[in-house]
Amino acid sequence: MTTLADLAELVRAPAALSVPGDVIAGAAAAGALSPRTPALAGASVLLYWAGMAANDWADRRLDAEERPERPIPSGRVTPAAAVGLAAGLTAAGVGLAAAVGGRRAVALAVPLAATIWGYDLLAKNTAAGPAVMAACRGLDVLLGASGGRMTRALPAAATVAAHTWTVTALSRREVTGADAALPMRTLAGTALVAASAAVAVPGARRAALHTTHQSGAADQGGVRAGRSRSATIAAVLPAVLAGWYAARYGAAQAEVVRDPSAGRVRAAVGAGITGLPALQGALTARGGAGLLGVAVAAAAPLGRRLARKVSPT
């Protein structure tokens, strides 16, 4: 009999901690943070879980040879149950996005769902696989931005997509291991991703300091100095969170360069998945929501703890 634990393993439930940050980062960048943002994040999680279930359904014959402990080949979840769950979660995710975000959210949720299924059924084992999965995450960021100026969220979407490309490229070598060249390329990509997230939006820090100077002109010196420090912290915080992301994920990839075995590759993929909230937190803070960015980043250590119980890969 299938249990909730089996279904949690099928959809890689703890890995969903890496998902809400996409929507939050997009909303922050687009100036669209609102009470509907958590519901859009929930829709994103449903679509993510749908993709995980569809992935295992599509890979059930391959997993019977390479990963027989997975829920479907081990007999704990039937193929029909897995694909039915994937379809139901997809409908629920798109429906929730429509209910809270209207037409603009649907215009992104539907292509996102189609891209997820396209990856699982068609693109995963092709050369286009990493790019298609990167597109999934980019669309997820834009889903969060659907209530605001989406063009302002394009840099954040591109940053998350680039990170996803590195993780997906590594994941294709989880069973066989990799040559040293692959982790060197993904490590270089991670450095660029972190640098992109750390760079403040052009003019943002100057504007913040200018506003502080003007509003503080009539204030006492201590208040003015406090506001200036707050503006400085807001400008530095994205770099701090991006550095945390790069240190954790980069260290795991450096281990693959040293030892490109399958086990090291899987560990790096897991680090890329569980470390993503730190990157999303940096992007959220860059969008002007510093405290929310820290909260998003806090999902990273929690995800690592949960990954010891349920594999995110």
C-alpha atoms as a PDB file:
ATOM      1  CA  MET A   1       0.000   0.000   0.000  1.00  0.00           C
ATOM      2  CA  THR A   2       1.297   3.436  -0.956  1.00  0.00           C
ATOM      3  CA  THR A   3       2.003   5.687   2.028  1.00  0.00           C
ATOM      4  CA  LEU A   4       2.407   9.438   2.355  1.00  0.00           C
ATOM      5  CA  ALA A   5       6.118   8.856   2.858  1.00  0.00           C
ATOM      6  CA  ASP A   6       6.270   7.085  -0.501  1.00  0.00           C
ATOM      7  CA  LEU A   7       4.512   9.999  -2.207  1.00  0.00           C
ATOM      8  CA  ALA A   8       6.801  12.483  -0.463  1.00  0.00           C
ATOM      9  CA  GLU A   9       9.779  10.584  -1.833  1.00  0.00           C
ATOM     10  CA  LEU A  10       8.215  10.453  -5.286  1.00  0.00           C
ATOM     11  CA  VAL A  11       7.783  14.230  -5.497  1.00  0.00           C
ATOM     12  CA  ARG A  12      10.990  14.996  -3.543  1.00  0.00           C
ATOM     13  CA  ALA A  13       8.895  16.950  -1.066  1.00  0.00           C
ATOM     14  CA  PRO A  14      11.748  18.722   0.819  1.00  0.00           C
ATOM     15  CA  ALA A  15      13.203  20.028  -2.452  1.00  0.00           C
ATOM     16  CA  ALA A  16      10.087  22.178  -2.762  1.00  0.00           C
ATOM     17  CA  LEU A  17      11.740  24.548  -0.279  1.00  0.00           C
ATOM     18  CA  SER A  18      13.776  25.731  -3.256  1.00  0.00           C
ATOM     19  CA  VAL A  19      10.637  26.775  -5.153  1.00  0.00           C
ATOM     20  CA  PRO A  20       8.780  29.639  -3.365  1.00  0.00           C
ATOM     21  CA  GLY A  21      11.862  31.832  -3.587  1.00  0.00           C
ATOM     22  CA  ASP A  22      11.496  31.949  -7.369  1.00  0.00           C
ATOM     23  CA  VAL A  23       8.099  33.601  -7.093  1.00  0.00           C
ATOM     24  CA  ILE A  24       9.155  35.876  -4.237  1.00  0.00           C
ATOM     25  CA  ALA A  25      12.297  37.049  -6.062  1.00  0.00           C
ATOM     26  CA  GLY A  26      10.256  37.765  -9.180  1.00  0.00           C
ATOM     27  CA  ALA A  27       7.623  39.663  -7.232  1.00  0.00           C
ATOM     28  CA  ALA A  28      10.252  41.726  -5.413  1.00  0.00           C
ATOM     29  CA  ALA A  29      12.017  42.623  -8.654  1.00  0.00           C
ATOM     30  CA  ALA A  30       8.753  43.616 -10.354  1.00  0.00           C
ATOM     31  CA  GLY A  31       7.431  45.584  -7.392  1.00  0.00           C
ATOM     32  CA  ALA A  32       4.588  43.089  -7.097  1.00  0.00           C
ATOM     33  CA  LEU A  33       4.920  41.721  -3.562  1.00  0.00           C
ATOM     34  CA  SER A  34       1.377  41.451  -2.228  1.00  0.00           C
ATOM     35  CA  PRO A  35      -0.947  39.153  -0.234  1.00  0.00           C
ATOM     36  CA  ARG A  36      -1.352  37.011  -3.348  1.00  0.00           C
ATOM     37  CA  THR A  37       2.374  36.227  -3.541  1.00  0.00           C
ATOM     38  CA  PRO A  38       2.216  33.273  -1.090  1.00  0.00           C
ATOM     39  CA  ALA A  39      -0.618  31.712  -3.104  1.00  0.00           C
ATOM     40  CA  LEU A  40       1.370  32.038  -6.327  1.00  0.00           C
ATOM     41  CA  ALA A  41       4.282  30.417  -4.513  1.00  0.00           C
ATOM     42  CA  GLY A  42       1.930  27.588  -3.541  1.00  0.00           C
ATOM     43  CA  ALA A  43       0.925  27.157  -7.186  1.00  0.00           C
ATOM     44  CA  SER A  44       4.603  26.988  -8.081  1.00  0.00           C
ATOM     45  CA  VAL A  45       5.201  24.257  -5.493  1.00  0.00           C
ATOM     46  CA  LEU A  46       2.289  22.204  -6.880  1.00  0.00           C
ATOM     47  CA  LEU A  47       3.730  22.444 -10.395  1.00  0.00           C
ATOM     48  CA  TYR A  48       7.177  21.480  -9.100  1.00  0.00           C
ATOM     49  CA  TRP A  49       5.804  18.389  -7.390  1.00  0.00           C
ATOM     50  CA  ALA A  50       3.887  17.548 -10.572  1.00  0.00           C
ATOM     51  CA  GLY A  51       7.130  17.683 -12.495  1.00  0.00           C
ATOM     52  CA  MET A  52       8.869  15.387 -10.033  1.00  0.00           C
ATOM     53  CA  ALA A  53       6.100  12.794 -10.248  1.00  0.00           C
ATOM     54  CA  ALA A  54       6.010  13.008 -14.048  1.00  0.00           C
ATOM     55  CA  ASN A  55       9.788  12.676 -14.129  1.00  0.00           C
ATOM     56  CA  ASP A  56       9.721   9.395 -12.224  1.00  0.00           C
ATOM     57  CA  TRP A  57       6.854   8.101 -14.360  1.00  0.00           C
ATOM     58  CA  ALA A  58       8.793   8.899 -17.542  1.00  0.00           C
ATOM     59  CA  ASP A  59      11.992   7.353 -16.138  1.00  0.00           C
ATOM     60  CA  ARG A  60      10.390   4.274 -14.582  1.00  0.00           C
ATOM     61  CA  ARG A  61      12.112   1.761 -16.892  1.00  0.00           C
ATOM     62  CA  LEU A  62      15.498   3.445 -16.619  1.00  0.00           C
ATOM     63  CA  ASP A  63      15.157   3.706 -12.841  1.00  0.00           C
ATOM     64  CA  ALA A  64      14.415  -0.030 -12.690  1.00  0.00           C
ATOM     65  CA  GLU A  65      18.010  -0.540 -13.811  1.00  0.00           C
ATOM     66  CA  GLU A  66      19.849   2.413 -12.330  1.00  0.00           C
ATOM     67  CA  ARG A  67      17.816   3.389  -9.230  1.00  0.00           C
ATOM     68  CA  PRO A  68      15.643   0.425  -8.272  1.00  0.00           C
ATOM     69  CA  GLU A  69      15.078   1.882  -4.801  1.00  0.00           C
ATOM     70  CA  ARG A  70      12.907   4.707  -6.215  1.00  0.00           C
ATOM     71  CA  PRO A  71       9.161   4.493  -5.403  1.00  0.00           C
ATOM     72  CA  ILE A  72       7.944   3.254  -8.808  1.00  0.00           C
ATOM     73  CA  PRO A  73      10.502   0.518  -9.598  1.00  0.00           C
ATOM     74  CA  SER A  74      10.405  -0.682  -6.000  1.00  0.00           C
ATOM     75  CA  GLY A  75       6.636  -1.192  -6.322  1.00  0.00           C
ATOM     76  CA  ARG A  76       5.679   1.250  -3.598  1.00  0.00           C
ATOM     77  CA  VAL A  77       3.906   3.561  -6.088  1.00  0.00           C
ATOM     78  CA  THR A  78       2.268   2.281  -9.264  1.00  0.00           C
ATOM     79  CA  PRO A  79       2.972   4.026 -12.601  1.00  0.00           C
ATOM     80  CA  ALA A  80      -0.730   4.859 -12.950  1.00  0.00           C
ATOM     81  CA  ALA A  81      -0.781   6.500  -9.518  1.00  0.00           C
ATOM     82  CA  ALA A  82       2.335   8.512 -10.312  1.00  0.00           C
ATOM     83  CA  VAL A  83       1.092   9.907 -13.622  1.00  0.00           C
ATOM     84  CA  GLY A  84      -2.356  10.535 -12.120  1.00  0.00           C
ATOM     85  CA  LEU A  85      -0.776  12.462  -9.258  1.00  0.00           C
ATOM     86  CA  ALA A  86       1.318  14.456 -11.714  1.00  0.00           C
ATOM     87  CA  ALA A  87      -1.741  15.392 -13.758  1.00  0.00           C
ATOM     88  CA  GLY A  88      -3.759  16.317 -10.679  1.00  0.00           C
ATOM     89  CA  LEU A  89      -0.987  18.477  -9.242  1.00  0.00           C
ATOM     90  CA  THR A  90      -0.578  20.217 -12.596  1.00  0.00           C
ATOM     91  CA  ALA A  91      -4.282  21.059 -12.758  1.00  0.00           C
ATOM     92  CA  ALA A  92      -4.234  22.251  -9.157  1.00  0.00           C
ATOM     93  CA  GLY A  93      -1.175  24.439  -9.730  1.00  0.00           C
ATOM     94  CA  VAL A  94      -2.556  26.121 -12.840  1.00  0.00           C
ATOM     95  CA  GLY A  95      -5.980  26.480 -11.198  1.00  0.00           C
ATOM     96  CA  LEU A  96      -4.541  28.134  -8.096  1.00  0.00           C
ATOM     97  CA  ALA A  97      -2.482  30.534 -10.214  1.00  0.00           C
ATOM     98  CA  ALA A  98      -5.620  31.453 -12.164  1.00  0.00           C
ATOM     99  CA  ALA A  99      -7.672  31.971  -9.025  1.00  0.00           C
ATOM    100  CA  VAL A 100      -5.247  34.377  -7.390  1.00  0.00           C
ATOM    101  CA  GLY A 101      -3.442  35.941 -10.345  1.00  0.00           C
ATOM    102  CA  GLY A 102      -5.986  36.092 -13.114  1.00  0.00           C
ATOM    103  CA  ARG A 103      -5.120  36.103 -16.792  1.00  0.00           C
ATOM    104  CA  ARG A 104      -1.578  37.413 -16.389  1.00  0.00           C
ATOM    105  CA  ALA A 105      -0.682  34.574 -14.045  1.00  0.00           C
ATOM    106  CA  VAL A 106      -2.366  31.974 -16.274  1.00  0.00           C
ATOM    107  CA  ALA A 107      -0.374  33.320 -19.236  1.00  0.00           C
ATOM    108  CA  LEU A 108       2.742  32.163 -17.391  1.00  0.00           C
ATOM    109  CA  ALA A 109       1.458  29.155 -15.452  1.00  0.00           C
ATOM    110  CA  VAL A 110       0.265  27.333 -18.573  1.00  0.00           C
ATOM    111  CA  PRO A 111       3.587  27.662 -20.483  1.00  0.00           C
ATOM    112  CA  LEU A 112       5.402  26.751 -17.278  1.00  0.00           C
ATOM    113  CA  ALA A 113       3.366  23.555 -16.892  1.00  0.00           C
ATOM    114  CA  ALA A 114       3.851  22.711 -20.571  1.00  0.00           C
ATOM    115  CA  THR A 115       7.607  23.245 -20.304  1.00  0.00           C
ATOM    116  CA  ILE A 116       7.795  21.023 -17.213  1.00  0.00           C
ATOM    117  CA  TRP A 117       6.015  18.172 -18.990  1.00  0.00           C
ATOM    118  CA  GLY A 118       8.017  18.795 -22.155  1.00  0.00           C
ATOM    119  CA  TYR A 119      11.223  18.402 -20.187  1.00  0.00           C
ATOM    120  CA  ASP A 120      10.112  15.187 -18.500  1.00  0.00           C
ATOM    121  CA  LEU A 121       8.684  13.518 -21.609  1.00  0.00           C
ATOM    122  CA  LEU A 122      10.842  14.841 -24.437  1.00  0.00           C
ATOM    123  CA  ALA A 123      13.835  16.992 -23.618  1.00  0.00           C
ATOM    124  CA  LYS A 124      15.378  15.489 -20.505  1.00  0.00           C
ATOM    125  CA  ASN A 125      17.795  13.120 -22.237  1.00  0.00           C
ATOM    126  CA  THR A 126      18.586  15.408 -25.155  1.00  0.00           C
ATOM    127  CA  ALA A 127      21.147  18.160 -25.561  1.00  0.00           C
ATOM    128  CA  ALA A 128      18.340  20.672 -24.986  1.00  0.00           C
ATOM    129  CA  GLY A 129      17.568  19.280 -21.524  1.00  0.00           C
ATOM    130  CA  PRO A 130      19.471  21.802 -19.370  1.00  0.00           C
ATOM    131  CA  ALA A 131      18.141  24.745 -21.392  1.00  0.00           C
ATOM    132  CA  VAL A 132      14.544  23.527 -21.096  1.00  0.00           C
ATOM    133  CA  MET A 133      14.836  23.034 -17.355  1.00  0.00           C
ATOM    134  CA  ALA A 134      16.431  26.474 -17.056  1.00  0.00           C
ATOM    135  CA  ALA A 135      13.422  27.878 -18.908  1.00  0.00           C
ATOM    136  CA  CYS A 136      11.138  26.261 -16.314  1.00  0.00           C
ATOM    137  CA  ARG A 137      12.800  28.133 -13.487  1.00  0.00           C
ATOM    138  CA  GLY A 138      12.929  31.371 -15.417  1.00  0.00           C
ATOM    139  CA  LEU A 139       9.190  31.172 -16.080  1.00  0.00           C
ATOM    140  CA  ASP A 140       8.656  30.425 -12.404  1.00  0.00           C
ATOM    141  CA  VAL A 141      10.366  33.685 -11.451  1.00  0.00           C
ATOM    142  CA  LEU A 142       8.227  35.558 -13.975  1.00  0.00           C
ATOM    143  CA  LEU A 143       5.101  33.953 -12.509  1.00  0.00           C
ATOM    144  CA  GLY A 144       5.851  35.842  -9.318  1.00  0.00           C
ATOM    145  CA  ALA A 145       6.277  39.029 -11.326  1.00  0.00           C
ATOM    146  CA  SER A 146       2.973  38.642 -13.156  1.00  0.00           C
ATOM    147  CA  GLY A 147       1.251  41.267 -11.023  1.00  0.00           C
ATOM    148  CA  GLY A 148       3.835  43.971 -11.710  1.00  0.00           C
ATOM    149  CA  ARG A 149       6.344  45.148 -14.289  1.00  0.00           C
ATOM    150  CA  MET A 150       7.639  41.832 -15.591  1.00  0.00           C
ATOM    151  CA  THR A 151      10.472  43.362 -17.582  1.00  0.00           C
ATOM    152  CA  ARG A 152      12.066  44.409 -14.302  1.00  0.00           C
ATOM    153  CA  ALA A 153      12.157  40.742 -13.241  1.00  0.00           C
ATOM    154  CA  LEU A 154      13.948  39.512 -16.367  1.00  0.00           C
ATOM    155  CA  PRO A 155      17.460  39.809 -14.829  1.00  0.00           C
ATOM    156  CA  ALA A 156      16.362  37.772 -11.791  1.00  0.00           C
ATOM    157  CA  ALA A 157      14.734  35.183 -14.060  1.00  0.00           C
ATOM    158  CA  ALA A 158      17.910  34.902 -16.127  1.00  0.00           C
ATOM    159  CA  THR A 159      20.034  34.491 -12.997  1.00  0.00           C
ATOM    160  CA  VAL A 160      17.892  31.678 -11.594  1.00  0.00           C
ATOM    161  CA  ALA A 161      17.750  30.048 -15.035  1.00  0.00           C
ATOM    162  CA  ALA A 162      21.540  30.109 -15.322  1.00  0.00           C
ATOM    163  CA  HIS A 163      21.882  28.454 -11.919  1.00  0.00           C
ATOM    164  CA  THR A 164      19.382  25.809 -12.969  1.00  0.00           C
ATOM    165  CA  TRP A 165      21.385  25.097 -16.106  1.00  0.00           C
ATOM    166  CA  THR A 166      24.448  24.246 -13.978  1.00  0.00           C
ATOM    167  CA  VAL A 167      22.468  21.921 -11.696  1.00  0.00           C
ATOM    168  CA  THR A 168      20.765  20.153 -14.599  1.00  0.00           C
ATOM    169  CA  ALA A 169      24.023  19.711 -16.498  1.00  0.00           C
ATOM    170  CA  LEU A 170      25.538  18.029 -13.437  1.00  0.00           C
ATOM    171  CA  SER A 171      22.438  15.907 -12.795  1.00  0.00           C
ATOM    172  CA  ARG A 172      22.893  14.155 -16.139  1.00  0.00           C
ATOM    173  CA  ARG A 173      26.016  12.518 -14.670  1.00  0.00           C
ATOM    174  CA  GLU A 174      24.564  11.441 -11.313  1.00  0.00           C
ATOM    175  CA  VAL A 175      24.774   7.748 -12.191  1.00  0.00           C
ATOM    176  CA  THR A 176      27.867   7.533 -14.389  1.00  0.00           C
ATOM    177  CA  GLY A 177      30.064  10.211 -12.880  1.00  0.00           C
ATOM    178  CA  ALA A 178      31.628  13.081 -14.841  1.00  0.00           C
ATOM    179  CA  ASP A 179      34.925  14.172 -16.300  1.00  0.00           C
ATOM    180  CA  ALA A 180      36.681  17.071 -14.589  1.00  0.00           C
ATOM    181  CA  ALA A 181      35.769  19.509 -17.370  1.00  0.00           C
ATOM    182  CA  LEU A 182      32.034  19.512 -16.599  1.00  0.00           C
ATOM    183  CA  PRO A 183      32.267  20.677 -12.951  1.00  0.00           C
ATOM    184  CA  MET A 184      34.865  23.245 -13.974  1.00  0.00           C
ATOM    185  CA  ARG A 185      32.352  24.713 -16.438  1.00  0.00           C
ATOM    186  CA  THR A 186      29.481  24.656 -13.967  1.00  0.00           C
ATOM    187  CA  LEU A 187      31.703  26.148 -11.268  1.00  0.00           C
ATOM    188  CA  ALA A 188      32.564  29.039 -13.576  1.00  0.00           C
ATOM    189  CA  GLY A 189      28.847  29.448 -14.250  1.00  0.00           C
ATOM    190  CA  THR A 190      28.124  29.514 -10.521  1.00  0.00           C
ATOM    191  CA  ALA A 191      30.686  32.282 -10.035  1.00  0.00           C
ATOM    192  CA  LEU A 192      28.981  34.358 -12.739  1.00  0.00           C
ATOM    193  CA  VAL A 193      25.542  33.674 -11.260  1.00  0.00           C
ATOM    194  CA  ALA A 194      26.671  34.770  -7.791  1.00  0.00           C
ATOM    195  CA  ALA A 195      28.307  37.903  -9.190  1.00  0.00           C
ATOM    196  CA  SER A 196      25.119  38.747 -11.069  1.00  0.00           C
ATOM    197  CA  ALA A 197      22.995  38.401  -7.941  1.00  0.00           C
ATOM    198  CA  ALA A 198      25.433  40.436  -5.860  1.00  0.00           C
ATOM    199  CA  VAL A 199      25.408  43.468  -8.149  1.00  0.00           C
ATOM    200  CA  ALA A 200      22.807  46.018  -7.100  1.00  0.00           C
ATOM    201  CA  VAL A 201      20.311  47.350  -9.611  1.00  0.00           C
ATOM    202  CA  PRO A 202      22.010  50.328 -11.320  1.00  0.00           C
ATOM    203  CA  GLY A 203      21.429  53.495  -9.362  1.00  0.00           C
ATOM    204  CA  ALA A 204      19.559  51.767  -6.531  1.00  0.00           C
ATOM    205  CA  ARG A 205      22.136  52.436  -3.852  1.00  0.00           C
ATOM    206  CA  ARG A 206      22.654  56.040  -4.988  1.00  0.00           C
ATOM    207  CA  ALA A 207      18.910  56.616  -4.933  1.00  0.00           C
ATOM    208  CA  ALA A 208      18.581  55.112  -1.469  1.00  0.00           C
ATOM    209  CA  LEU A 209      21.407  57.239  -0.094  1.00  0.00           C
ATOM    210  CA  HIS A 210      20.055  60.362  -1.820  1.00  0.00           C
ATOM    211  CA  THR A 211      16.606  59.769  -0.327  1.00  0.00           C
ATOM    212  CA  THR A 212      18.175  59.192   3.075  1.00  0.00           C
ATOM    213  CA  HIS A 213      20.114  62.458   2.814  1.00  0.00           C
ATOM    214  CA  GLN A 214      17.054  64.459   1.826  1.00  0.00           C
ATOM    215  CA  SER A 215      14.677  62.974   4.386  1.00  0.00           C
ATOM    216  CA  GLY A 216      17.284  63.203   7.079  1.00  0.00           C
ATOM    217  CA  ALA A 217      18.241  66.818   6.487  1.00  0.00           C
ATOM    218  CA  ALA A 218      15.857  68.015   9.178  1.00  0.00           C
ATOM    219  CA  ASP A 219      16.517  65.073  11.497  1.00  0.00           C
ATOM    220  CA  GLN A 220      18.995  64.713  14.282  1.00  0.00           C
ATOM    221  CA  GLY A 221      22.443  63.459  13.281  1.00  0.00           C
ATOM    222  CA  GLY A 222      21.983  60.075  14.969  1.00  0.00           C
ATOM    223  CA  VAL A 223      18.752  59.335  13.119  1.00  0.00           C
ATOM    224  CA  ARG A 224      20.308  60.402   9.824  1.00  0.00           C
ATOM    225  CA  ALA A 225      23.320  58.176  10.445  1.00  0.00           C
ATOM    226  CA  GLY A 226      21.057  55.263  11.322  1.00  0.00           C
ATOM    227  CA  ARG A 227      19.160  55.631   8.092  1.00  0.00           C
ATOM    228  CA  SER A 228      22.408  55.809   6.168  1.00  0.00           C
ATOM    229  CA  ARG A 229      23.581  52.588   7.802  1.00  0.00           C
ATOM    230  CA  SER A 230      20.283  50.927   6.874  1.00  0.00           C
ATOM    231  CA  ALA A 231      20.745  51.971   3.258  1.00  0.00           C
ATOM    232  CA  THR A 232      24.289  50.607   3.276  1.00  0.00           C
ATOM    233  CA  ILE A 233      23.156  47.284   4.747  1.00  0.00           C
ATOM    234  CA  ALA A 234      20.431  47.038   2.111  1.00  0.00           C
ATOM    235  CA  ALA A 235      23.053  47.542  -0.581  1.00  0.00           C
ATOM    236  CA  VAL A 236      25.480  44.974   0.886  1.00  0.00           C
ATOM    237  CA  LEU A 237      22.977  42.253   1.818  1.00  0.00           C
ATOM    238  CA  PRO A 238      22.559  40.829  -1.721  1.00  0.00           C
ATOM    239  CA  ALA A 239      26.318  40.348  -1.957  1.00  0.00           C
ATOM    240  CA  VAL A 240      26.437  38.585   1.415  1.00  0.00           C
ATOM    241  CA  LEU A 241      23.661  36.157   0.497  1.00  0.00           C
ATOM    242  CA  ALA A 242      25.107  35.577  -2.975  1.00  0.00           C
ATOM    243  CA  GLY A 243      28.469  34.831  -1.383  1.00  0.00           C
ATOM    244  CA  TRP A 244      26.834  32.278   0.929  1.00  0.00           C
ATOM    245  CA  TYR A 245      25.215  30.614  -2.076  1.00  0.00           C
ATOM    246  CA  ALA A 246      28.501  30.520  -3.990  1.00  0.00           C
ATOM    247  CA  ALA A 247      30.478  29.166  -1.038  1.00  0.00           C
ATOM    248  CA  ARG A 248      28.141  26.213  -0.398  1.00  0.00           C
ATOM    249  CA  TYR A 249      27.376  25.208  -3.962  1.00  0.00           C
ATOM    250  CA  GLY A 250      30.845  26.091  -5.221  1.00  0.00           C
ATOM    251  CA  ALA A 251      32.540  23.930  -2.592  1.00  0.00           C
ATOM    252  CA  ALA A 252      30.461  20.914  -3.631  1.00  0.00           C
ATOM    253  CA  GLN A 253      31.418  21.433  -7.281  1.00  0.00           C
ATOM    254  CA  ALA A 254      35.077  21.836  -6.367  1.00  0.00           C
ATOM    255  CA  GLU A 255      34.878  18.381  -4.789  1.00  0.00           C
ATOM    256  CA  VAL A 256      33.606  17.026  -8.111  1.00  0.00           C
ATOM    257  CA  VAL A 257      36.588  18.580  -9.898  1.00  0.00           C
ATOM    258  CA  ARG A 258      38.835  16.705  -7.470  1.00  0.00           C
ATOM    259  CA  ASP A 259      36.823  13.473  -7.573  1.00  0.00           C
ATOM    260  CA  PRO A 260      34.256  13.319 -10.430  1.00  0.00           C
ATOM    261  CA  SER A 261      32.618  10.131  -9.159  1.00  0.00           C
ATOM    262  CA  ALA A 262      28.862   9.589  -9.273  1.00  0.00           C
ATOM    263  CA  GLY A 263      28.535  10.076  -5.513  1.00  0.00           C
ATOM    264  CA  ARG A 264      30.285  13.454  -5.601  1.00  0.00           C
ATOM    265  CA  VAL A 265      28.155  14.546  -8.553  1.00  0.00           C
ATOM    266  CA  ARG A 266      24.958  13.636  -6.688  1.00  0.00           C
ATOM    267  CA  ALA A 267      26.177  15.583  -3.673  1.00  0.00           C
ATOM    268  CA  ALA A 268      26.846  18.634  -5.857  1.00  0.00           C
ATOM    269  CA  VAL A 269      23.402  18.384  -7.427  1.00  0.00           C
ATOM    270  CA  GLY A 270      21.859  18.202  -3.963  1.00  0.00           C
ATOM    271  CA  ALA A 271      23.888  21.242  -2.902  1.00  0.00           C
ATOM    272  CA  GLY A 272      22.658  23.122  -5.953  1.00  0.00           C
ATOM    273  CA  ILE A 273      19.036  22.330  -5.151  1.00  0.00           C
ATOM    274  CA  THR A 274      19.162  23.006  -1.421  1.00  0.00           C
ATOM    275  CA  GLY A 275      21.416  26.043  -1.853  1.00  0.00           C
ATOM    276  CA  LEU A 276      19.138  27.825  -4.315  1.00  0.00           C
ATOM    277  CA  PRO A 277      17.170  29.697  -1.594  1.00  0.00           C
ATOM    278  CA  ALA A 278      20.320  31.641  -0.704  1.00  0.00           C
ATOM    279  CA  LEU A 279      20.515  32.858  -4.302  1.00  0.00           C
ATOM    280  CA  GLN A 280      16.798  33.648  -4.347  1.00  0.00           C
ATOM    281  CA  GLY A 281      17.246  35.516  -1.070  1.00  0.00           C
ATOM    282  CA  ALA A 282      19.986  37.630  -2.643  1.00  0.00           C
ATOM    283  CA  LEU A 283      17.731  38.483  -5.577  1.00  0.00           C
ATOM    284  CA  THR A 284      14.831  39.296  -3.244  1.00  0.00           C
ATOM    285  CA  ALA A 285      17.040  41.589  -1.183  1.00  0.00           C
ATOM    286  CA  ARG A 286      18.288  43.202  -4.386  1.00  0.00           C
ATOM    287  CA  GLY A 287      14.656  43.925  -5.215  1.00  0.00           C
ATOM    288  CA  GLY A 288      14.376  45.979  -2.029  1.00  0.00           C
ATOM    289  CA  ALA A 289      12.949  43.379   0.375  1.00  0.00           C
ATOM    290  CA  GLY A 290      15.945  42.741   2.613  1.00  0.00           C
ATOM    291  CA  LEU A 291      14.267  41.044   5.568  1.00  0.00           C
ATOM    292  CA  LEU A 292      12.182  38.879   3.252  1.00  0.00           C
ATOM    293  CA  GLY A 293      15.354  37.965   1.390  1.00  0.00           C
ATOM    294  CA  VAL A 294      16.934  36.740   4.616  1.00  0.00           C
ATOM    295  CA  ALA A 295      13.804  34.697   5.355  1.00  0.00           C
ATOM    296  CA  VAL A 296      13.940  33.125   1.888  1.00  0.00           C
ATOM    297  CA  ALA A 297      17.625  32.316   2.301  1.00  0.00           C
ATOM    298  CA  ALA A 298      16.904  30.652   5.659  1.00  0.00           C
ATOM    299  CA  ALA A 299      15.240  27.806   3.741  1.00  0.00           C
ATOM    300  CA  ALA A 300      18.688  26.684   2.548  1.00  0.00           C
ATOM    301  CA  PRO A 301      19.932  25.119   5.823  1.00  0.00           C
ATOM    302  CA  LEU A 302      16.473  23.703   6.494  1.00  0.00           C
ATOM    303  CA  GLY A 303      16.477  22.082   3.066  1.00  0.00           C
ATOM    304  CA  ARG A 304      19.873  20.526   3.728  1.00  0.00           C
ATOM    305  CA  ARG A 305      18.611  18.963   6.952  1.00  0.00           C
ATOM    306  CA  LEU A 306      15.494  17.554   5.301  1.00  0.00           C
ATOM    307  CA  ALA A 307      17.555  16.240   2.381  1.00  0.00           C
ATOM    308  CA  ARG A 308      19.188  13.789   4.796  1.00  0.00           C
ATOM    309  CA  LYS A 309      15.788  12.135   5.187  1.00  0.00           C
ATOM    310  CA  VAL A 310      14.354  12.453   1.669  1.00  0.00           C
ATOM    311  CA  SER A 311      16.731  12.781  -1.264  1.00  0.00           C
ATOM    312  CA  PRO A 312      16.168  15.923  -3.372  1.00  0.00           C
ATOM    313  CA  THR A 313      17.523  14.182  -6.493  1.00  0.00           C
END
